[in-house]
PDB file of N, CA and C in Angstrom:
ATOM      1  N   MET A   1     -34.067   2.869  -8.072  1.00  0.00           N
ATOM      2  CA  MET A   1     -33.940   2.927  -9.499  1.00  0.00           C
ATOM      3  C   MET A   1     -34.091   1.508 -10.041  1.00  0.00           C
ATOM      4  N   ARG A   2     -34.903   1.391 -11.076  1.00  0.00           N
ATOM      5  CA  ARG A   2     -35.157   0.080 -11.664  1.00  0.00           C
ATOM      6  C   ARG A   2     -34.360  -0.069 -12.945  1.00  0.00           C
ATOM      7  N   ILE A   3     -33.675  -1.183 -13.078  1.00  0.00           N
ATOM      8  CA  ILE A   3     -32.886  -1.455 -14.281  1.00  0.00           C
ATOM      9  C   ILE A   3     -33.779  -2.176 -15.268  1.00  0.00           C
ATOM     10  N   SER A   4     -33.755  -1.708 -16.509  1.00  0.00           N
ATOM     11  CA  SER A   4     -34.615  -2.325 -17.516  1.00  0.00           C
ATOM     12  C   SER A   4     -34.128  -3.737 -17.835  1.00  0.00           C
ATOM     13  N   TRP A   5     -34.965  -4.490 -18.534  1.00  0.00           N
ATOM     14  CA  TRP A   5     -34.663  -5.882 -18.828  1.00  0.00           C
ATOM     15  C   TRP A   5     -33.583  -6.038 -19.887  1.00  0.00           C
ATOM     16  N   PHE A   6     -33.423  -5.045 -20.780  1.00  0.00           N
ATOM     17  CA  PHE A   6     -32.475  -5.196 -21.884  1.00  0.00           C
ATOM     18  C   PHE A   6     -31.026  -5.319 -21.404  1.00  0.00           C
ATOM     19  N   PRO A   7     -30.523  -4.432 -20.503  1.00  0.00           N
ATOM     20  CA  PRO A   7     -29.131  -4.618 -20.043  1.00  0.00           C
ATOM     21  C   PRO A   7     -28.913  -5.943 -19.339  1.00  0.00           C
ATOM     22  N   ARG A   8     -29.908  -6.397 -18.612  1.00  0.00           N
ATOM     23  CA  ARG A   8     -29.774  -7.686 -17.927  1.00  0.00           C
ATOM     24  C   ARG A   8     -29.654  -8.824 -18.939  1.00  0.00           C
ATOM     25  N   LEU A   9     -30.490  -8.766 -19.992  1.00  0.00           N
ATOM     26  CA  LEU A   9     -30.453  -9.795 -21.019  1.00  0.00           C
ATOM     27  C   LEU A   9     -29.118  -9.769 -21.760  1.00  0.00           C
ATOM     28  N   ALA A  10     -28.626  -8.570 -22.059  1.00  0.00           N
ATOM     29  CA  ALA A  10     -27.343  -8.449 -22.756  1.00  0.00           C
ATOM     30  C   ALA A  10     -26.219  -9.031 -21.908  1.00  0.00           C
ATOM     31  N   LEU A  11     -26.243  -8.740 -20.601  1.00  0.00           N
ATOM     32  CA  LEU A  11     -25.220  -9.277 -19.705  1.00  0.00           C
ATOM     33  C   LEU A  11     -25.304 -10.797 -19.621  1.00  0.00           C
ATOM     34  N   LEU A  12     -26.517 -11.328 -19.569  1.00  0.00           N
ATOM     35  CA  LEU A  12     -26.705 -12.780 -19.504  1.00  0.00           C
ATOM     36  C   LEU A  12     -26.190 -13.456 -20.775  1.00  0.00           C
ATOM     37  N   LEU A  13     -26.485 -12.877 -21.929  1.00  0.00           N
ATOM     38  CA  LEU A  13     -26.015 -13.456 -23.185  1.00  0.00           C
ATOM     39  C   LEU A  13     -24.496 -13.368 -23.313  1.00  0.00           C
ATOM     40  N   ALA A  14     -23.922 -12.244 -22.856  1.00  0.00           N
ATOM     41  CA  ALA A  14     -22.464 -12.104 -22.909  1.00  0.00           C
ATOM     42  C   ALA A  14     -21.794 -13.132 -22.003  1.00  0.00           C
ATOM     43  N   ALA A  15     -22.344 -13.346 -20.815  1.00  0.00           N
ATOM     44  CA  ALA A  15     -21.766 -14.316 -19.886  1.00  0.00           C
ATOM     45  C   ALA A  15     -21.908 -15.740 -20.423  1.00  0.00           C
ATOM     46  N   ALA A  16     -23.012 -16.009 -21.120  1.00  0.00           N
ATOM     47  CA  ALA A  16     -23.216 -17.350 -21.661  1.00  0.00           C
ATOM     48  C   ALA A  16     -22.229 -17.636 -22.774  1.00  0.00           C
ATOM     49  N   GLY A  17     -21.782 -16.609 -23.467  1.00  0.00           N
ATOM     50  CA  GLY A  17     -20.827 -16.796 -24.545  1.00  0.00           C
ATOM     51  C   GLY A  17     -19.408 -16.983 -24.074  1.00  0.00           C
ATOM     52  N   CYS A  18     -19.146 -16.730 -22.800  1.00  0.00           N
ATOM     53  CA  CYS A  18     -17.794 -16.873 -22.274  1.00  0.00           C
ATOM     54  C   CYS A  18     -17.518 -18.347 -21.984  1.00  0.00           C
ATOM     55  N   GLY A  19     -16.406 -18.786 -22.399  1.00  0.00           N
ATOM     56  CA  GLY A  19     -16.036 -20.166 -22.138  1.00  0.00           C
ATOM     57  C   GLY A  19     -14.690 -20.459 -22.762  1.00  0.00           C
ATOM     58  N   VAL A  20     -14.188 -21.605 -22.490  1.00  0.00           N
ATOM     59  CA  VAL A  20     -12.899 -22.017 -23.031  1.00  0.00           C
ATOM     60  C   VAL A  20     -13.123 -22.512 -24.456  1.00  0.00           C
ATOM     61  N   PRO A  21     -12.386 -21.958 -25.427  1.00  0.00           N
ATOM     62  CA  PRO A  21     -12.551 -22.462 -26.794  1.00  0.00           C
ATOM     63  C   PRO A  21     -12.088 -23.913 -26.898  1.00  0.00           C
ATOM     64  N   ASP A  22     -12.655 -24.620 -27.854  1.00  0.00           N
ATOM     65  CA  ASP A  22     -12.325 -26.042 -28.027  1.00  0.00           C
ATOM     66  C   ASP A  22     -10.843 -26.255 -28.316  1.00  0.00           C
ATOM     67  N   GLU A  23     -10.199 -25.288 -29.003  1.00  0.00           N
ATOM     68  CA  GLU A  23      -8.785 -25.432 -29.325  1.00  0.00           C
ATOM     69  C   GLU A  23      -7.919 -25.427 -28.067  1.00  0.00           C
ATOM     70  N   ALA A  24      -8.414 -24.837 -26.982  1.00  0.00           N
ATOM     71  CA  ALA A  24      -7.629 -24.753 -25.755  1.00  0.00           C
ATOM     72  C   ALA A  24      -7.755 -26.013 -24.906  1.00  0.00           C
ATOM     73  N   ARG A  25      -8.693 -26.860 -25.226  1.00  0.00           N
ATOM     74  CA  ARG A  25      -8.893 -28.088 -24.451  1.00  0.00           C
ATOM     75  C   ARG A  25      -8.031 -29.197 -25.048  1.00  0.00           C
ATOM     76  N   VAL A  26      -6.795 -29.234 -24.563  1.00  0.00           N
ATOM     77  CA  VAL A  26      -5.845 -30.225 -25.056  1.00  0.00           C
ATOM     78  C   VAL A  26      -5.684 -31.294 -23.975  1.00  0.00           C
ATOM     79  N   PRO A  27      -5.888 -32.546 -24.306  1.00  0.00           N
ATOM     80  CA  PRO A  27      -5.729 -33.585 -23.293  1.00  0.00           C
ATOM     81  C   PRO A  27      -4.252 -33.767 -22.931  1.00  0.00           C
ATOM     82  N   LEU A  28      -3.996 -33.946 -21.640  1.00  0.00           N
ATOM     83  CA  LEU A  28      -2.633 -34.185 -21.157  1.00  0.00           C
ATOM     84  C   LEU A  28      -2.399 -35.670 -21.014  1.00  0.00           C
ATOM     85  N   SER A  29      -1.258 -36.104 -21.433  1.00  0.00           N
ATOM     86  CA  SER A  29      -0.915 -37.520 -21.305  1.00  0.00           C
ATOM     87  C   SER A  29      -0.554 -37.817 -19.844  1.00  0.00           C
ATOM     88  N   ALA A  30      -0.561 -39.050 -19.489  1.00  0.00           N
ATOM     89  CA  ALA A  30      -0.197 -39.456 -18.131  1.00  0.00           C
ATOM     90  C   ALA A  30       1.251 -39.096 -17.845  1.00  0.00           C
ATOM     91  N   GLU A  31       2.091 -39.188 -18.864  1.00  0.00           N
ATOM     92  CA  GLU A  31       3.500 -38.850 -18.703  1.00  0.00           C
ATOM     93  C   GLU A  31       3.667 -37.354 -18.415  1.00  0.00           C
ATOM     94  N   ALA A  32       2.894 -36.514 -19.111  1.00  0.00           N
ATOM     95  CA  ALA A  32       2.979 -35.063 -18.896  1.00  0.00           C
ATOM     96  C   ALA A  32       2.438 -34.678 -17.519  1.00  0.00           C
ATOM     97  N   ARG A  33       1.378 -35.350 -17.085  1.00  0.00           N
ATOM     98  CA  ARG A  33       0.816 -35.054 -15.756  1.00  0.00           C
ATOM     99  C   ARG A  33       1.774 -35.439 -14.634  1.00  0.00           C
ATOM    100  N   GLY A  34       2.556 -36.476 -14.838  1.00  0.00           N
ATOM    101  CA  GLY A  34       3.472 -36.946 -13.795  1.00  0.00           C
ATOM    102  C   GLY A  34       4.831 -36.280 -13.830  1.00  0.00           C
ATOM    103  N   ALA A  35       5.112 -35.501 -14.840  1.00  0.00           N
ATOM    104  CA  ALA A  35       6.432 -34.873 -14.969  1.00  0.00           C
ATOM    105  C   ALA A  35       6.567 -33.700 -14.002  1.00  0.00           C
ATOM    106  N   PRO A  36       7.765 -33.474 -13.486  1.00  0.00           N
ATOM    107  CA  PRO A  36       7.960 -32.320 -12.601  1.00  0.00           C
ATOM    108  C   PRO A  36       7.896 -31.022 -13.403  1.00  0.00           C
ATOM    109  N   PRO A  37       7.607 -29.921 -12.743  1.00  0.00           N
ATOM    110  CA  PRO A  37       7.553 -28.646 -13.472  1.00  0.00           C
ATOM    111  C   PRO A  37       8.943 -28.273 -13.980  1.00  0.00           C
ATOM    112  N   PRO A  38       9.020 -27.527 -15.048  1.00  0.00           N
ATOM    113  CA  PRO A  38      10.334 -27.151 -15.574  1.00  0.00           C
ATOM    114  C   PRO A  38      11.061 -26.224 -14.603  1.00  0.00           C
ATOM    115  N   LEU A  39      12.366 -26.340 -14.569  1.00  0.00           N
ATOM    116  CA  LEU A  39      13.186 -25.506 -13.701  1.00  0.00           C
ATOM    117  C   LEU A  39      13.783 -24.358 -14.519  1.00  0.00           C
ATOM    118  N   LEU A  40      13.833 -23.202 -13.918  1.00  0.00           N
ATOM    119  CA  LEU A  40      14.485 -22.078 -14.566  1.00  0.00           C
ATOM    120  C   LEU A  40      15.952 -22.099 -14.203  1.00  0.00           C
ATOM    121  N   GLY A  41      16.770 -22.067 -15.184  1.00  0.00           N
ATOM    122  CA  GLY A  41      18.204 -22.059 -14.942  1.00  0.00           C
ATOM    123  C   GLY A  41      18.723 -20.634 -14.894  1.00  0.00           C
ATOM    124  N   PRO A  42      19.831 -20.410 -14.209  1.00  0.00           N
ATOM    125  CA  PRO A  42      20.397 -19.061 -14.165  1.00  0.00           C
ATOM    126  C   PRO A  42      20.854 -18.646 -15.560  1.00  0.00           C
ATOM    127  N   THR A  43      20.616 -17.423 -15.857  1.00  0.00           N
ATOM    128  CA  THR A  43      21.045 -16.889 -17.142  1.00  0.00           C
ATOM    129  C   THR A  43      21.820 -15.608 -16.904  1.00  0.00           C
ATOM    130  N   ALA A  44      22.530 -15.182 -17.907  1.00  0.00           N
ATOM    131  CA  ALA A  44      23.302 -13.944 -17.793  1.00  0.00           C
ATOM    132  C   ALA A  44      22.368 -12.755 -17.564  1.00  0.00           C
ATOM    133  N   ARG A  45      21.168 -12.820 -18.120  1.00  0.00           N
ATOM    134  CA  ARG A  45      20.211 -11.721 -17.937  1.00  0.00           C
ATOM    135  C   ARG A  45      19.784 -11.605 -16.470  1.00  0.00           C
ATOM    136  N   PHE A  46      19.512 -12.739 -15.824  1.00  0.00           N
ATOM    137  CA  PHE A  46      19.152 -12.715 -14.405  1.00  0.00           C
ATOM    138  C   PHE A  46      20.320 -12.222 -13.555  1.00  0.00           C
ATOM    139  N   ASP A  47      21.507 -12.717 -13.852  1.00  0.00           N
ATOM    140  CA  ASP A  47      22.685 -12.295 -13.090  1.00  0.00           C
ATOM    141  C   ASP A  47      22.919 -10.800 -13.213  1.00  0.00           C
ATOM    142  N   ALA A  48      22.736 -10.255 -14.410  1.00  0.00           N
ATOM    143  CA  ALA A  48      22.931  -8.819 -14.622  1.00  0.00           C
ATOM    144  C   ALA A  48      21.889  -8.020 -13.842  1.00  0.00           C
ATOM    145  N   ALA A  49      20.659  -8.499 -13.810  1.00  0.00           N
ATOM    146  CA  ALA A  49      19.606  -7.800 -13.070  1.00  0.00           C
ATOM    147  C   ALA A  49      19.893  -7.814 -11.571  1.00  0.00           C
ATOM    148  N   LEU A  50      20.349  -8.952 -11.053  1.00  0.00           N
ATOM    149  CA  LEU A  50      20.684  -9.031  -9.626  1.00  0.00           C
ATOM    150  C   LEU A  50      21.866  -8.140  -9.274  1.00  0.00           C
ATOM    151  N   ALA A  51      22.866  -8.114 -10.145  1.00  0.00           N
ATOM    152  CA  ALA A  51      24.039  -7.273  -9.894  1.00  0.00           C
ATOM    153  C   ALA A  51      23.662  -5.799  -9.910  1.00  0.00           C
ATOM    154  N   ALA A  52      22.757  -5.420 -10.793  1.00  0.00           N
ATOM    155  CA  ALA A  52      22.327  -4.015 -10.863  1.00  0.00           C
ATOM    156  C   ALA A  52      21.471  -3.644  -9.660  1.00  0.00           C
ATOM    157  N   ALA A  53      20.729  -4.586  -9.102  1.00  0.00           N
ATOM    158  CA  ALA A  53      19.829  -4.294  -7.997  1.00  0.00           C
ATOM    159  C   ALA A  53      20.536  -4.256  -6.648  1.00  0.00           C
ATOM    160  N   THR A  54      21.676  -4.875  -6.513  1.00  0.00           N
ATOM    161  CA  THR A  54      22.369  -4.939  -5.228  1.00  0.00           C
ATOM    162  C   THR A  54      22.715  -3.565  -4.659  1.00  0.00           C
ATOM    163  N   PRO A  55      23.298  -2.631  -5.425  1.00  0.00           N
ATOM    164  CA  PRO A  55      23.581  -1.311  -4.849  1.00  0.00           C
ATOM    165  C   PRO A  55      22.316  -0.570  -4.413  1.00  0.00           C
ATOM    166  N   ASP A  56      21.239  -0.720  -5.189  1.00  0.00           N
ATOM    167  CA  ASP A  56      19.986  -0.068  -4.806  1.00  0.00           C
ATOM    168  C   ASP A  56      19.445  -0.640  -3.506  1.00  0.00           C
ATOM    169  N   ALA A  57      19.549  -1.938  -3.324  1.00  0.00           N
ATOM    170  CA  ALA A  57      19.062  -2.561  -2.098  1.00  0.00           C
ATOM    171  C   ALA A  57      19.844  -2.057  -0.891  1.00  0.00           C
ATOM    172  N   LYS A  58      21.163  -1.933  -1.029  1.00  0.00           N
ATOM    173  CA  LYS A  58      21.977  -1.421   0.077  1.00  0.00           C
ATOM    174  C   LYS A  58      21.637   0.040   0.383  1.00  0.00           C
ATOM    175  N   ARG A  59      21.387   0.830  -0.677  1.00  0.00           N
ATOM    176  CA  ARG A  59      21.035   2.234  -0.478  1.00  0.00           C
ATOM    177  C   ARG A  59      19.679   2.344   0.231  1.00  0.00           C
ATOM    178  N   LEU A  60      18.734   1.499  -0.148  1.00  0.00           N
ATOM    179  CA  LEU A  60      17.421   1.527   0.489  1.00  0.00           C
ATOM    180  C   LEU A  60      17.504   1.121   1.954  1.00  0.00           C
ATOM    181  N   GLU A  61      18.370   0.157   2.280  1.00  0.00           N
ATOM    182  CA  GLU A  61      18.542  -0.229   3.677  1.00  0.00           C
ATOM    183  C   GLU A  61      19.104   0.922   4.484  1.00  0.00           C
ATOM    184  N   ALA A  62      20.056   1.665   3.918  1.00  0.00           N
ATOM    185  CA  ALA A  62      20.616   2.827   4.610  1.00  0.00           C
ATOM    186  C   ALA A  62      19.551   3.908   4.762  1.00  0.00           C
ATOM    187  N   ASP A  63      18.732   4.106   3.728  1.00  0.00           N
ATOM    188  CA  ASP A  63      17.662   5.089   3.812  1.00  0.00           C
ATOM    189  C   ASP A  63      16.641   4.696   4.870  1.00  0.00           C
ATOM    190  N   ALA A  64      16.374   3.407   5.007  1.00  0.00           N
ATOM    191  CA  ALA A  64      15.404   2.945   5.997  1.00  0.00           C
ATOM    192  C   ALA A  64      15.886   3.281   7.405  1.00  0.00           C
ATOM    193  N   ALA A  65      17.162   3.087   7.672  1.00  0.00           N
ATOM    194  CA  ALA A  65      17.700   3.412   8.998  1.00  0.00           C
ATOM    195  C   ALA A  65      17.628   4.912   9.250  1.00  0.00           C
ATOM    196  N   ALA A  66      17.941   5.716   8.240  1.00  0.00           N
ATOM    197  CA  ALA A  66      17.874   7.171   8.395  1.00  0.00           C
ATOM    198  C   ALA A  66      16.440   7.627   8.612  1.00  0.00           C
ATOM    199  N   LEU A  67      15.501   7.025   7.881  1.00  0.00           N
ATOM    200  CA  LEU A  67      14.095   7.393   8.061  1.00  0.00           C
ATOM    201  C   LEU A  67      13.578   6.989   9.434  1.00  0.00           C
ATOM    202  N   ALA A  68      14.003   5.835   9.923  1.00  0.00           N
ATOM    203  CA  ALA A  68      13.580   5.407  11.258  1.00  0.00           C
ATOM    204  C   ALA A  68      14.114   6.355  12.321  1.00  0.00           C
ATOM    205  N   ALA A  69      15.348   6.798  12.177  1.00  0.00           N
ATOM    206  CA  ALA A  69      15.918   7.753  13.133  1.00  0.00           C
ATOM    207  C   ALA A  69      15.187   9.084  13.067  1.00  0.00           C
ATOM    208  N   ARG A  70      14.861   9.525  11.865  1.00  0.00           N
ATOM    209  CA  ARG A  70      14.125  10.795  11.723  1.00  0.00           C
ATOM    210  C   ARG A  70      12.726  10.693  12.325  1.00  0.00           C
ATOM    211  N   ALA A  71      12.064   9.549  12.118  1.00  0.00           N
ATOM    212  CA  ALA A  71      10.729   9.350  12.679  1.00  0.00           C
ATOM    213  C   ALA A  71      10.773   9.377  14.198  1.00  0.00           C
ATOM    214  N   GLU A  72      11.780   8.756  14.778  1.00  0.00           N
ATOM    215  CA  GLU A  72      11.909   8.761  16.240  1.00  0.00           C
ATOM    216  C   GLU A  72      12.149  10.179  16.757  1.00  0.00           C
ATOM    217  N   ALA A  73      12.973  10.955  16.053  1.00  0.00           N
ATOM    218  CA  ALA A  73      13.216  12.339  16.456  1.00  0.00           C
ATOM    219  C   ALA A  73      11.938  13.164  16.367  1.00  0.00           C
ATOM    220  N   LEU A  74      11.141  12.926  15.342  1.00  0.00           N
ATOM    221  CA  LEU A  74       9.876  13.652  15.214  1.00  0.00           C
ATOM    222  C   LEU A  74       8.887  13.253  16.303  1.00  0.00           C
ATOM    223  N   ARG A  75       8.881  11.977  16.681  1.00  0.00           N
ATOM    224  CA  ARG A  75       8.004  11.546  17.776  1.00  0.00           C
ATOM    225  C   ARG A  75       8.407  12.210  19.085  1.00  0.00           C
ATOM    226  N   ALA A  76       9.705  12.294  19.331  1.00  0.00           N
ATOM    227  CA  ALA A  76      10.182  12.950  20.553  1.00  0.00           C
ATOM    228  C   ALA A  76       9.808  14.434  20.540  1.00  0.00           C
ATOM    229  N   ARG A  77       9.931  15.071  19.398  1.00  0.00           N
ATOM    230  CA  ARG A  77       9.563  16.484  19.287  1.00  0.00           C
ATOM    231  C   ARG A  77       8.057  16.666  19.510  1.00  0.00           C
ATOM    232  N   ALA A  78       7.252  15.775  18.944  1.00  0.00           N
ATOM    233  CA  ALA A  78       5.801  15.849  19.119  1.00  0.00           C
ATOM    234  C   ALA A  78       5.419  15.663  20.580  1.00  0.00           C
ATOM    235  N   ALA A  79       6.108  14.766  21.275  1.00  0.00           N
ATOM    236  CA  ALA A  79       5.819  14.558  22.694  1.00  0.00           C
ATOM    237  C   ALA A  79       6.116  15.827  23.493  1.00  0.00           C
ATOM    238  N   GLY A  80       7.153  16.557  23.103  1.00  0.00           N
ATOM    239  CA  GLY A  80       7.473  17.810  23.787  1.00  0.00           C
ATOM    240  C   GLY A  80       6.480  18.915  23.499  1.00  0.00           C
ATOM    241  N   LEU A  81       5.791  18.830  22.380  1.00  0.00           N
ATOM    242  CA  LEU A  81       4.818  19.856  22.015  1.00  0.00           C
ATOM    243  C   LEU A  81       3.409  19.537  22.480  1.00  0.00           C
ATOM    244  N   SER A  82       3.234  18.466  23.197  1.00  0.00           N
ATOM    245  CA  SER A  82       1.888  18.044  23.563  1.00  0.00           C
ATOM    246  C   SER A  82       1.330  18.768  24.788  1.00  0.00           C
ATOM    247  N   GLY A  83       2.075  19.652  25.390  1.00  0.00           N
ATOM    248  CA  GLY A  83       1.591  20.389  26.554  1.00  0.00           C
ATOM    249  C   GLY A  83       0.597  21.468  26.165  1.00  0.00           C
ATOM    250  N   PRO A  84       0.094  22.216  27.156  1.00  0.00           N
ATOM    251  CA  PRO A  84      -0.865  23.269  26.861  1.00  0.00           C
ATOM    252  C   PRO A  84      -0.219  24.388  26.035  1.00  0.00           C
ATOM    253  N   VAL A  85      -1.000  24.966  25.133  1.00  0.00           N
ATOM    254  CA  VAL A  85      -0.498  26.036  24.272  1.00  0.00           C
ATOM    255  C   VAL A  85      -0.414  27.342  25.065  1.00  0.00           C
ATOM    256  N   VAL A  86      -1.426  27.589  25.865  1.00  0.00           N
ATOM    257  CA  VAL A  86      -1.463  28.802  26.679  1.00  0.00           C
ATOM    258  C   VAL A  86      -1.060  28.431  28.100  1.00  0.00           C
ATOM    259  N   ASP A  87      -0.172  29.216  28.657  1.00  0.00           N
ATOM    260  CA  ASP A  87       0.292  28.995  30.025  1.00  0.00           C
ATOM    261  C   ASP A  87      -0.904  29.019  30.966  1.00  0.00           C
ATOM    262  N   PRO A  88      -1.062  27.994  31.829  1.00  0.00           N
ATOM    263  CA  PRO A  88      -2.211  27.941  32.730  1.00  0.00           C
ATOM    264  C   PRO A  88      -2.314  29.171  33.640  1.00  0.00           C
ATOM    265  N   ALA A  89      -1.200  29.805  33.958  1.00  0.00           N
ATOM    266  CA  ALA A  89      -1.249  30.995  34.813  1.00  0.00           C
ATOM    267  C   ALA A  89      -1.812  32.202  34.055  1.00  0.00           C
ATOM    268  N   VAL A  90      -1.672  32.228  32.749  1.00  0.00           N
ATOM    269  CA  VAL A  90      -2.138  33.361  31.940  1.00  0.00           C
ATOM    270  C   VAL A  90      -3.565  33.159  31.446  1.00  0.00           C
ATOM    271  N   ARG A  91      -4.028  31.935  31.386  1.00  0.00           N
ATOM    272  CA  ARG A  91      -5.338  31.625  30.836  1.00  0.00           C
ATOM    273  C   ARG A  91      -6.483  32.427  31.456  1.00  0.00           C
ATOM    274  N   PRO A  92      -6.601  32.540  32.786  1.00  0.00           N
ATOM    275  CA  PRO A  92      -7.733  33.298  33.342  1.00  0.00           C
ATOM    276  C   PRO A  92      -7.751  34.753  32.856  1.00  0.00           C
ATOM    277  N   ARG A  93      -6.581  35.364  32.749  1.00  0.00           N
ATOM    278  CA  ARG A  93      -6.524  36.761  32.293  1.00  0.00           C
ATOM    279  C   ARG A  93      -6.986  36.880  30.836  1.00  0.00           C
ATOM    280  N   LEU A  94      -6.583  35.916  29.983  1.00  0.00           N
ATOM    281  CA  LEU A  94      -7.016  35.928  28.587  1.00  0.00           C
ATOM    282  C   LEU A  94      -8.516  35.695  28.462  1.00  0.00           C
ATOM    283  N   GLU A  95      -9.041  34.772  29.239  1.00  0.00           N
ATOM    284  CA  GLU A  95     -10.482  34.515  29.204  1.00  0.00           C
ATOM    285  C   GLU A  95     -11.259  35.716  29.674  1.00  0.00           C
ATOM    286  N   ALA A  96     -10.772  36.390  30.696  1.00  0.00           N
ATOM    287  CA  ALA A  96     -11.465  37.595  31.191  1.00  0.00           C
ATOM    288  C   ALA A  96     -11.440  38.678  30.124  1.00  0.00           C
ATOM    289  N   ALA A  97     -10.350  38.806  29.389  1.00  0.00           N
ATOM    290  CA  ALA A  97     -10.248  39.828  28.348  1.00  0.00           C
ATOM    291  C   ALA A  97     -11.190  39.527  27.190  1.00  0.00           C
ATOM    292  N   THR A  98     -11.396  38.272  26.861  1.00  0.00           N
ATOM    293  CA  THR A  98     -12.272  37.944  25.735  1.00  0.00           C
ATOM    294  C   THR A  98     -13.743  38.092  26.095  1.00  0.00           C
ATOM    295  N   THR A  99     -14.097  37.942  27.362  1.00  0.00           N
ATOM    296  CA  THR A  99     -15.498  38.090  27.766  1.00  0.00           C
ATOM    297  C   THR A  99     -15.817  39.519  28.171  1.00  0.00           C
ATOM    298  N   GLY A 100     -14.840  40.350  28.312  1.00  0.00           N
ATOM    299  CA  GLY A 100     -15.056  41.751  28.667  1.00  0.00           C
ATOM    300  C   GLY A 100     -15.244  41.990  30.148  1.00  0.00           C
ATOM    301  N   ARG A 101     -14.951  41.050  30.971  1.00  0.00           N
ATOM    302  CA  ARG A 101     -15.099  41.231  32.417  1.00  0.00           C
ATOM    303  C   ARG A 101     -13.741  41.384  33.059  1.00  0.00           C
ATOM    304  N   GLU A 102     -13.736  41.907  34.194  1.00  0.00           N
ATOM    305  CA  GLU A 102     -12.490  42.150  34.940  1.00  0.00           C
ATOM    306  C   GLU A 102     -11.910  40.841  35.424  1.00  0.00           C
ATOM    307  N   GLN A 103     -10.604  40.828  35.609  1.00  0.00           N
ATOM    308  CA  GLN A 103      -9.933  39.642  36.139  1.00  0.00           C
ATOM    309  C   GLN A 103     -10.183  39.594  37.641  1.00  0.00           C
ATOM    310  N   PRO A 104     -10.512  38.423  38.181  1.00  0.00           N
ATOM    311  CA  PRO A 104     -10.777  38.319  39.638  1.00  0.00           C
ATOM    312  C   PRO A 104      -9.557  38.544  40.475  1.00  0.00           C
TER     313      PRO A 104
END
């Protein structure tokens, strides 16, 4: 499939128009460049969020242990089910019945 020239030209013009506006180009002083980044101080809002999250975190840890135990039990059950579905002693008789021939 061939793409016409118009969408390509429109995309090229749109990309050419993208750029940083002049108002956003603010020169930084040497003092501002050398200053350390601002530090966030603890606030009551952060403390409240942490206090509210603590019970959920403990509940999730308990759920993780329960899920791990359940997964292990399911793996053990799957290992027990991995044997043959049809008893090997019965298989020849079933195969003979499906082909219509007598059992040897």
